[in-house]
Amino acid sequence: MTAGRPEPVDRQLPSDEARELLALTRDLVDREVRPRSAEDEAAARFPREVFRTLGRAGLLSLPYAGEYGGGDQPYEVYLQVLEELANGWLAVGLGVSVHTLSCHALAGFGSEEQKRRWLPGMLGGEQLGAYCLSEPQSGSDAASLRTRADLDGEQYVVSGTKAWITHGGRADFYSTMARTGDEGARGISCLLVPAGSEGLSAAPPERKMGMWSSPTAQMHFDGVRVDRERLVGGEGQGFRIALAALDSGRLGIAACAIGVAQAALDLAVEYAGTRQQFGRPIADFQGLSFLLADMATRIEAGRALYLAAARRRDAGRAFTKEAAMAKLFCTDTAMRVATDAVQVLGGYGYTRDYPAERFMREAKVLQIVEGTNQIQRLVIGRHLTGR
C-alpha cells in the first residue's frame, strides 16, 4: 500500500498561473517522484536526475525574479509547491528548499553585476546548491563559527569545516559563511564557493535515522581560494545575510513538514477504511476516527499558519516571528501525525512494508534543521517581550 491523494487539497491560489503550476507539480510528483521514493530511500540513492527534471520544469527557481531566470512566484505559491513535493518524497521537497535557501544570499544581497553573472546559472535548473553555516561546534550558536576567510590579494583563503550540509559533496555551489574579522556576528562574511574548488572536499555522508537519499556531510575547506568578487554583500554582512535566509528557509521547512504530515494522514485514512476488525472497518470505531480527526485538524492549522507567514513576506512585512511559529508548529505537527499514523496501522506501521515508519523517521529531522524547535521558541519569546 502506498499513500496517494485521491483529490488535491483545496487551496486558495492567487492566479490561474499558480493553479496550473500546482497541477504541474502534482503530476510530476505522481509520475516522477512518488513511485521511486521507497526503493531509492532503502538504497540511499540520491535522486540527482529528479532535481534536473524539476529544474527543467522551472520548479527550482520559483520565488526569484524572472529577469535572472526565476519564476516570479510569490512565496505563498512556492511553499505550496514545496508541500506537494515533500508529500511525494521529503528528500526532494527538502532538497528544493535547501537549493532555494542557497540562492537567497546572492539574490537578496548581491550586487547587480554579481546577480547577472551568476544567478541565472544557479536558477537555470541544472545546478543544485548547498548552504554552509553550521559547524561541528557551532550549531544553534551560529555566531561562534570558526571557519576563516583571510584576504590574500584578490582572493580569500578559506579554511575550516562546515557540518550537516545537505547536498554536501553533490552540490554545484556552496553559499558559505566564514569569518573575515574578529569574533562575534560582525566578523562573519558570505562567499559563493563553486564546487570543484581546489582544497574543497566532502567527508563521507552522515549515517542518519532517516532521509537516507538526501546526502548530509561535512565540507572541508583546506586553503580554498575564492575570488574576492564572490564576496556577497560587504565584509561583516554574512550573519545578517544568514539570518535573513533562515527566516525564509524556516517557511520552507514548515511547508515540507505539512507535506509529510499529509502523506501520513492519507496513508492512515486509506488503511483505516480497508482494515477490518470485528466485522467492520476500523475507521468506524470512535477512538480511531477521533484520532484521524485530530490529525487532519492539526494539518489544516499548520497549513494556514505557514501561508499566513508567507503572505506577510510577500507583502514586504516583517515575518521573523511568524516564520518561527510556522516552523515550530508545522514540524511538531508532522512528528505527531506521523507517530499517530504508525499507531493507526498497528504492527504493520512498524514494518518497512508500509511508509508510515519512514514518515515518522523523516518527520523527526524537521524539528531539528534550520534552527531547533527550542530555538524557535526562543525567537518567538524574544519578539513577544521586545528583547
Protein backbone atom coordinates (compact mmCIF):
# COMPACT_ATOMS: atom_id res chain seq x y z
CA MET A 1 0.00 0.00 0.00
CA THR A 2 1.26 3.48 -0.83
CA ALA A 3 -0.01 6.85 0.30
CA GLY A 4 -1.63 8.81 -2.51
CA ARG A 5 -4.05 11.69 -2.58
CA PRO A 6 -7.28 10.83 -4.42
CA GLU A 7 -8.16 14.53 -4.57
CA PRO A 8 -5.98 17.64 -4.33
CA VAL A 9 -6.08 19.66 -1.14
CA ASP A 10 -8.50 22.57 -1.56
CA ARG A 11 -6.27 25.62 -1.95
CA GLN A 12 -6.82 29.33 -2.40
CA LEU A 13 -4.35 30.39 -5.08
CA PRO A 14 -3.75 33.94 -6.30
CA SER A 15 -3.85 33.28 -10.06
CA ASP A 16 -4.66 30.83 -12.84
CA GLU A 17 -0.91 30.52 -13.42
CA ALA A 18 -0.46 29.39 -9.83
CA ARG A 19 -3.21 26.79 -10.20
CA GLU A 20 -1.56 25.43 -13.34
CA LEU A 21 1.78 25.35 -11.53
CA LEU A 22 0.35 23.31 -8.67
CA ALA A 23 -1.29 20.94 -11.15
CA LEU A 24 2.04 20.52 -12.95
CA THR A 25 3.80 19.83 -9.66
CA ARG A 26 1.25 17.27 -8.61
CA ASP A 27 1.54 15.50 -11.96
CA LEU A 28 5.36 15.41 -11.74
CA VAL A 29 5.18 14.08 -8.19
CA ASP A 30 2.79 11.30 -9.19
CA ARG A 31 4.83 10.32 -12.26
CA GLU A 32 8.47 11.04 -11.36
CA VAL A 33 8.80 11.31 -7.59
CA ARG A 34 6.43 9.18 -5.52
CA PRO A 35 6.85 5.90 -7.47
CA ARG A 36 10.57 5.72 -6.82
CA SER A 37 10.73 7.14 -3.30
CA ALA A 38 10.57 3.91 -1.25
CA GLU A 39 13.10 1.98 -3.32
CA ASP A 40 15.57 4.85 -3.58
CA GLU A 41 15.30 5.62 0.12
CA ALA A 42 16.00 1.99 1.00
CA ALA A 43 19.06 2.04 -1.26
CA ALA A 44 20.17 5.53 -0.10
CA ARG A 45 20.28 6.72 -3.73
CA PHE A 46 20.50 10.47 -4.29
CA PRO A 47 17.93 11.36 -6.99
CA ARG A 48 20.04 13.93 -8.85
CA GLU A 49 18.13 13.39 -12.10
CA VAL A 50 14.85 14.19 -10.35
CA PHE A 51 16.20 17.64 -9.48
CA ARG A 52 17.18 18.14 -13.12
CA THR A 53 13.64 17.23 -14.16
CA LEU A 54 12.23 19.71 -11.66
CA GLY A 55 14.71 22.33 -12.79
CA ARG A 56 13.72 21.98 -16.43
CA ALA A 57 10.10 22.36 -15.35
CA GLY A 58 11.04 25.64 -13.64
CA LEU A 59 10.50 24.39 -10.08
CA LEU A 60 13.98 25.18 -8.72
CA SER A 61 13.69 28.94 -9.13
CA LEU A 62 10.10 29.83 -8.30
CA PRO A 63 10.42 32.68 -5.76
CA TYR A 64 13.12 34.61 -7.63
CA ALA A 65 12.93 37.39 -10.22
CA GLY A 66 12.28 36.45 -13.82
CA GLU A 67 14.99 38.80 -15.11
CA TYR A 68 17.58 36.45 -13.57
CA GLY A 69 15.89 33.22 -14.62
CA GLY A 70 13.48 32.89 -11.71
CA GLY A 71 9.81 32.02 -11.73
CA ASP A 72 8.43 35.33 -10.38
CA GLN A 73 6.15 33.46 -7.99
CA PRO A 74 5.13 34.71 -4.55
CA TYR A 75 6.26 32.71 -1.55
CA GLU A 76 2.63 31.76 -0.95
CA VAL A 77 2.72 29.72 -4.18
CA TYR A 78 6.29 28.46 -3.89
CA LEU A 79 5.62 26.97 -0.45
CA GLN A 80 2.60 25.07 -1.69
CA VAL A 81 4.77 23.59 -4.44
CA LEU A 82 7.24 22.53 -1.74
CA GLU A 83 4.43 20.89 0.22
CA GLU A 84 3.40 18.86 -2.83
CA LEU A 85 6.99 17.76 -3.45
CA ALA A 86 7.53 16.76 0.18
CA ASN A 87 4.23 14.90 0.16
CA GLY A 88 5.68 12.68 -2.56
CA TRP A 89 9.20 12.43 -1.12
CA LEU A 90 10.75 14.54 1.63
CA ALA A 91 14.28 14.17 0.23
CA VAL A 92 13.11 16.01 -2.88
CA GLY A 93 10.98 18.65 -1.16
CA LEU A 94 13.69 19.44 1.38
CA GLY A 95 16.30 19.43 -1.38
CA VAL A 96 14.40 22.09 -3.32
CA SER A 97 14.03 24.12 -0.12
CA VAL A 98 17.78 23.94 0.54
CA HIS A 99 18.57 24.94 -3.04
CA THR A 100 16.26 27.95 -2.71
CA LEU A 101 17.94 28.84 0.58
CA SER A 102 21.39 28.62 -1.01
CA CYS A 103 20.37 31.12 -3.73
CA HIS A 104 18.94 33.59 -1.22
CA ALA A 105 22.21 35.34 -0.33
CA LEU A 106 23.10 36.28 -3.90
CA ALA A 107 19.52 37.12 -4.90
CA GLY A 108 18.90 39.29 -1.84
CA PHE A 109 22.28 40.86 -1.14
CA GLY A 110 24.43 40.51 -4.25
CA SER A 111 25.36 43.42 -6.48
CA GLU A 112 23.61 43.84 -9.81
CA GLU A 113 26.76 42.67 -11.58
CA GLN A 114 27.01 39.56 -9.37
CA LYS A 115 23.37 38.65 -9.87
CA ARG A 116 23.55 39.00 -13.64
CA ARG A 117 26.75 36.97 -13.77
CA TRP A 118 25.93 34.01 -11.51
CA LEU A 119 22.26 33.93 -10.58
CA PRO A 120 20.88 32.73 -13.97
CA GLY A 121 23.09 29.66 -13.78
CA MET A 122 22.04 28.96 -10.20
CA LEU A 123 18.38 29.29 -11.12
CA GLY A 124 18.53 27.67 -14.55
CA GLY A 125 17.67 24.17 -13.37
CA GLU A 126 20.91 22.31 -13.96
CA GLN A 127 22.74 23.46 -10.82
CA LEU A 128 21.98 22.44 -7.25
CA GLY A 129 23.11 24.47 -4.26
CA ALA A 130 24.11 23.93 -0.64
CA TYR A 131 24.09 26.26 2.36
CA CYS A 132 27.13 26.23 4.66
CA LEU A 133 26.54 27.82 8.05
CA SER A 134 26.72 25.16 10.78
CA GLU A 135 29.99 23.70 12.03
CA PRO A 136 30.88 20.75 14.29
CA GLN A 137 30.97 23.06 17.34
CA SER A 138 28.65 25.78 16.03
CA GLY A 139 25.01 24.87 15.56
CA SER A 140 22.35 26.92 17.33
CA ASP A 141 25.08 29.43 18.29
CA ALA A 142 25.87 30.25 14.67
CA ALA A 143 27.77 33.44 15.53
CA SER A 144 30.53 31.33 17.11
CA LEU A 145 31.59 29.76 13.80
CA ARG A 146 35.35 29.35 13.27
CA THR A 147 35.84 28.83 9.53
CA ARG A 148 38.11 31.65 8.37
CA ALA A 149 38.42 33.52 5.09
CA ASP A 150 41.61 35.57 5.03
CA LEU A 151 42.18 38.03 2.21
CA ASP A 152 45.31 37.39 0.15
CA GLY A 153 45.49 39.87 -2.70
CA GLU A 154 42.33 39.47 -4.76
CA GLN A 155 41.38 36.12 -3.23
CA TYR A 156 40.09 34.86 0.09
CA VAL A 157 41.78 31.77 1.51
CA VAL A 158 39.11 29.73 3.29
CA SER A 159 39.97 27.14 5.95
CA GLY A 160 37.69 25.25 8.30
CA THR A 161 34.95 22.63 8.43
CA LYS A 162 31.22 23.01 7.86
CA ALA A 163 28.84 20.37 9.23
CA TRP A 164 25.37 18.99 8.50
CA ILE A 165 25.47 20.22 4.92
CA THR A 166 22.55 18.98 2.82
CA HIS A 167 23.87 18.07 -0.66
CA GLY A 168 27.38 18.09 0.77
CA GLY A 169 29.70 16.71 -1.90
CA ARG A 170 26.91 16.70 -4.51
CA ALA A 171 26.15 20.42 -4.87
CA ASP A 172 27.39 22.68 -7.65
CA PHE A 173 27.91 25.71 -5.42
CA TYR A 174 28.12 26.44 -1.68
CA SER A 175 26.84 29.64 -0.07
CA THR A 176 29.37 29.76 2.75
CA MET A 177 29.55 31.83 5.92
CA ALA A 178 33.13 32.39 7.08
CA ARG A 179 34.94 34.65 9.49
CA THR A 180 36.76 37.59 7.89
CA GLY A 181 37.05 39.62 11.09
CA ASP A 182 37.00 39.41 14.85
CA GLU A 183 34.91 37.09 16.99
CA GLY A 184 31.17 37.58 17.03
CA ALA A 185 28.47 38.15 14.47
CA ARG A 186 30.05 41.28 12.97
CA GLY A 187 33.11 39.37 11.78
CA ILE A 188 31.21 36.97 9.50
CA SER A 189 31.00 37.30 5.71
CA CYS A 190 29.32 35.35 2.90
CA LEU A 191 31.19 33.78 -0.01
CA LEU A 192 29.82 31.98 -3.04
CA VAL A 193 32.15 28.97 -3.39
CA PRO A 194 31.99 26.88 -6.58
CA ALA A 195 32.16 23.10 -6.34
CA GLY A 196 35.42 21.73 -7.66
CA SER A 197 37.49 24.42 -5.98
CA GLU A 198 40.92 23.10 -5.06
CA GLY A 199 41.03 22.20 -1.37
CA LEU A 200 37.27 21.73 -1.06
CA SER A 201 36.22 18.18 -0.16
CA ALA A 202 33.34 16.29 1.41
CA ALA A 203 33.53 13.78 4.25
CA PRO A 204 31.57 10.53 3.95
CA PRO A 205 27.81 11.16 4.35
CA GLU A 206 26.38 11.01 7.85
CA ARG A 207 24.57 7.79 8.82
CA LYS A 208 21.15 9.17 9.67
CA MET A 209 17.92 7.89 11.18
CA GLY A 210 16.02 8.90 8.04
CA MET A 211 16.35 10.91 4.83
CA TRP A 212 18.80 8.32 3.50
CA SER A 213 18.51 9.57 -0.08
CA SER A 214 19.49 13.10 0.90
CA PRO A 215 23.27 13.26 1.48
CA THR A 216 24.32 15.19 4.59
CA ALA A 217 28.06 15.61 5.01
CA GLN A 218 30.79 17.75 6.47
CA MET A 219 32.59 20.00 3.99
CA HIS A 220 36.30 20.58 4.50
CA PHE A 221 37.87 23.84 3.35
CA ASP A 222 41.63 23.35 3.19
CA GLY A 223 43.05 26.64 1.95
CA VAL A 224 40.30 27.04 -0.66
CA ARG A 225 40.94 30.13 -2.79
CA VAL A 226 37.83 32.13 -3.62
CA ASP A 227 37.95 35.24 -5.80
CA ARG A 228 37.17 38.44 -3.95
CA GLU A 229 34.42 39.19 -6.45
CA ARG A 230 32.49 36.23 -4.95
CA LEU A 231 32.03 38.07 -1.65
CA VAL A 232 28.27 38.64 -1.32
CA GLY A 233 27.43 41.89 0.42
CA GLY A 234 30.23 43.66 2.26
CA GLU A 235 32.62 42.15 4.75
CA GLY A 236 30.87 41.61 8.05
CA GLN A 237 27.41 41.30 6.47
CA GLY A 238 27.36 37.49 6.49
CA PHE A 239 25.48 36.97 9.75
CA ARG A 240 22.74 39.35 8.68
CA ILE A 241 22.52 37.53 5.34
CA ALA A 242 22.39 34.16 7.11
CA LEU A 243 19.56 35.18 9.42
CA ALA A 244 17.53 36.66 6.57
CA ALA A 245 17.92 33.44 4.62
CA LEU A 246 16.90 31.34 7.61
CA ASP A 247 13.65 33.27 8.10
CA SER A 248 12.62 32.28 4.59
CA GLY A 249 14.12 28.80 4.89
CA ARG A 250 12.08 28.08 8.00
CA LEU A 251 8.92 28.60 5.98
CA GLY A 252 10.24 26.04 3.52
CA ILE A 253 10.73 23.54 6.33
CA ALA A 254 7.21 24.26 7.59
CA ALA A 255 5.72 23.54 4.16
CA CYS A 256 7.75 20.33 3.83
CA ALA A 257 6.53 19.25 7.27
CA ILE A 258 2.90 19.67 6.27
CA GLY A 259 3.61 17.66 3.12
CA VAL A 260 4.92 14.74 5.18
CA ALA A 261 2.05 15.04 7.65
CA GLN A 262 -0.49 14.99 4.83
CA ALA A 263 1.12 11.88 3.35
CA ALA A 264 0.97 10.17 6.74
CA LEU A 265 -2.68 11.12 7.22
CA ASP A 266 -3.61 9.92 3.72
CA LEU A 267 -2.00 6.56 4.43
CA ALA A 268 -3.76 6.26 7.80
CA VAL A 269 -7.17 7.14 6.33
CA GLU A 270 -6.73 4.67 3.47
CA TYR A 271 -5.67 1.89 5.83
CA ALA A 272 -8.41 2.59 8.37
CA GLY A 273 -11.03 2.43 5.66
CA THR A 274 -9.96 -1.01 4.42
CA ARG A 275 -8.69 -2.77 7.56
CA GLN A 276 -11.46 -4.93 9.03
CA GLN A 277 -11.76 -5.86 12.69
CA PHE A 278 -14.83 -7.19 14.49
CA GLY A 279 -16.67 -7.26 11.19
CA ARG A 280 -16.26 -3.63 10.14
CA PRO A 281 -13.58 -1.12 9.05
CA ILE A 282 -11.54 0.18 11.96
CA ALA A 283 -12.33 3.74 10.81
CA ASP A 284 -15.85 3.15 12.16
CA PHE A 285 -14.56 2.95 15.72
CA GLN A 286 -14.86 6.26 17.53
CA GLY A 287 -11.46 6.10 19.19
CA LEU A 288 -9.72 5.81 15.84
CA SER A 289 -11.93 8.24 13.94
CA PHE A 290 -11.27 10.88 16.61
CA LEU A 291 -7.53 10.29 16.17
CA LEU A 292 -7.83 10.85 12.42
CA ALA A 293 -9.89 13.99 13.02
CA ASP A 294 -7.22 15.46 15.28
CA MET A 295 -4.50 14.66 12.72
CA ALA A 296 -6.44 16.41 9.94
CA THR A 297 -7.19 19.45 12.11
CA ARG A 298 -3.54 19.95 13.03
CA ILE A 299 -2.53 19.74 9.37
CA GLU A 300 -5.07 22.36 8.30
CA ALA A 301 -3.95 24.64 11.13
CA GLY A 302 -0.30 24.25 10.17
CA ARG A 303 -1.01 24.95 6.51
CA ALA A 304 -2.92 28.11 7.42
CA LEU A 305 -0.05 29.24 9.67
CA TYR A 306 2.72 28.87 7.09
CA LEU A 307 0.58 30.52 4.39
CA ALA A 308 -0.20 33.47 6.66
CA ALA A 309 3.52 33.97 7.28
CA ALA A 310 4.22 33.68 3.55
CA ARG A 311 1.66 36.37 2.76
CA ARG A 312 3.37 38.71 5.24
CA ARG A 313 6.65 38.07 3.45
CA ASP A 314 5.09 38.67 0.05
CA ALA A 315 3.63 41.96 1.32
CA GLY A 316 7.07 43.13 2.47
CA ARG A 317 6.17 42.95 6.15
CA ALA A 318 8.31 41.58 8.97
CA PHE A 319 7.78 37.83 9.36
CA THR A 320 10.58 36.51 11.59
CA LYS A 321 8.24 35.69 14.48
CA GLU A 322 5.62 34.20 12.17
CA ALA A 323 8.24 32.06 10.38
CA ALA A 324 9.43 30.73 13.74
CA MET A 325 5.84 29.94 14.75
CA ALA A 326 5.17 28.16 11.48
CA LYS A 327 8.35 26.12 11.66
CA LEU A 328 7.65 25.17 15.28
CA PHE A 329 4.00 24.22 14.86
CA CYS A 330 4.24 22.52 11.48
CA THR A 331 7.22 20.33 12.37
CA ASP A 332 5.72 19.34 15.72
CA THR A 333 2.54 18.53 13.81
CA ALA A 334 4.46 16.35 11.34
CA MET A 335 6.03 14.38 14.18
CA ARG A 336 2.71 13.94 15.98
CA VAL A 337 0.77 12.97 12.86
CA ALA A 338 3.46 10.55 11.65
CA THR A 339 3.59 8.88 15.07
CA ASP A 340 -0.20 8.58 15.12
CA ALA A 341 -0.17 7.10 11.61
CA VAL A 342 2.13 4.33 12.84
CA GLN A 343 -0.34 3.72 15.66
CA VAL A 344 -3.30 3.51 13.25
CA LEU A 345 -1.51 0.84 11.23
CA GLY A 346 -0.60 -1.09 14.37
CA GLY A 347 2.05 -3.74 13.83
CA TYR A 348 2.11 -3.03 10.10
CA GLY A 349 3.02 0.57 10.86
CA TYR A 350 6.21 -0.63 12.48
CA THR A 351 7.34 -2.55 9.39
CA ARG A 352 9.02 -1.31 6.25
CA ASP A 353 6.26 -2.81 4.15
CA TYR A 354 4.37 0.45 4.69
CA PRO A 355 5.78 4.01 4.52
CA ALA A 356 4.42 5.04 7.93
CA GLU A 357 7.68 4.22 9.72
CA ARG A 358 9.63 6.21 7.12
CA PHE A 359 7.37 9.23 7.59
CA MET A 360 7.98 9.03 11.33
CA ARG A 361 11.76 8.89 10.90
CA GLU A 362 11.71 11.73 8.39
CA ALA A 363 9.47 13.96 10.47
CA LYS A 364 11.94 13.93 13.37
CA VAL A 365 14.68 15.75 11.48
CA LEU A 366 12.33 18.62 10.64
CA GLN A 367 12.17 19.52 14.34
CA ILE A 368 15.96 19.96 14.28
CA VAL A 369 17.09 21.51 10.97
CA GLU A 370 17.30 25.27 10.30
CA GLY A 371 17.01 26.06 13.97
CA THR A 372 15.79 23.53 16.51
CA ASN A 373 12.27 24.00 17.80
CA GLN A 374 13.75 25.15 21.10
CA ILE A 375 15.45 27.98 19.18
CA GLN A 376 12.12 28.82 17.52
CA ARG A 377 10.54 29.20 20.94
CA LEU A 378 13.42 31.46 21.95
CA VAL A 379 12.87 33.63 18.84
CA ILE A 380 9.13 33.85 19.49
CA GLY A 381 9.60 34.65 23.16
CA ARG A 382 12.07 37.45 22.44
CA HIS A 383 9.68 39.01 19.95
CA LEU A 384 6.85 38.89 22.47
CA THR A 385 8.91 40.58 25.17
CA GLY A 386 10.57 43.07 22.83
CA ARG A 387 14.08 41.81 23.58
